[in-house]
Amino acid sequence: MVRVSVLGDALKSMYNAEKRGKKQVLIRPSSKVVIKFLQVMMKHGYIGEFEFVDNHRSGKIVVELNGRLNKCGVISPRYDISAGDIEAWVGRVLPSRQFGSMVLTTSQGIMDHEEARRKKLGGKVLGFFY
């Protein structure tokens, strides 16, 4: 079977392991986008530490789960959103305005929607977690 989305597979395996009550999960293959997405999730406290394991191929990531992740997913296709459209997308994707984040890729890197709103940046929407 052909792999369509590396990020989608990584988030789905994390979500499934979290539902099963696992403490850690192995994500493979790895990519720079997956690592940046995990850094945003770690900054918000939804996952613990993660470690990149280089096997001279595509790499693996071991993620420590802490039980805070309710749902995470990828938004495909990666829609263009302007800085003014972020609020409408947050209302559409997240269950509440109090918690959760939507991750965007902008010209200044991968960041959550609050940081993009502060910097007045638009970009492409990658995914969400809450």
Foldseek 3Di string as FASTA:
>chain_A
DDDDDLLQQQQVQVQVCLVVVHQKDKRPQDDPVNVVVVVQCVVVPQWDDKDWACPVPRTMIMTGGDNNWDHKGWDPPFDWDFLVCLVVVCVVAPPDPPDKWWWFQWPVGIHTNVVCNVVRTIGTTTIITD
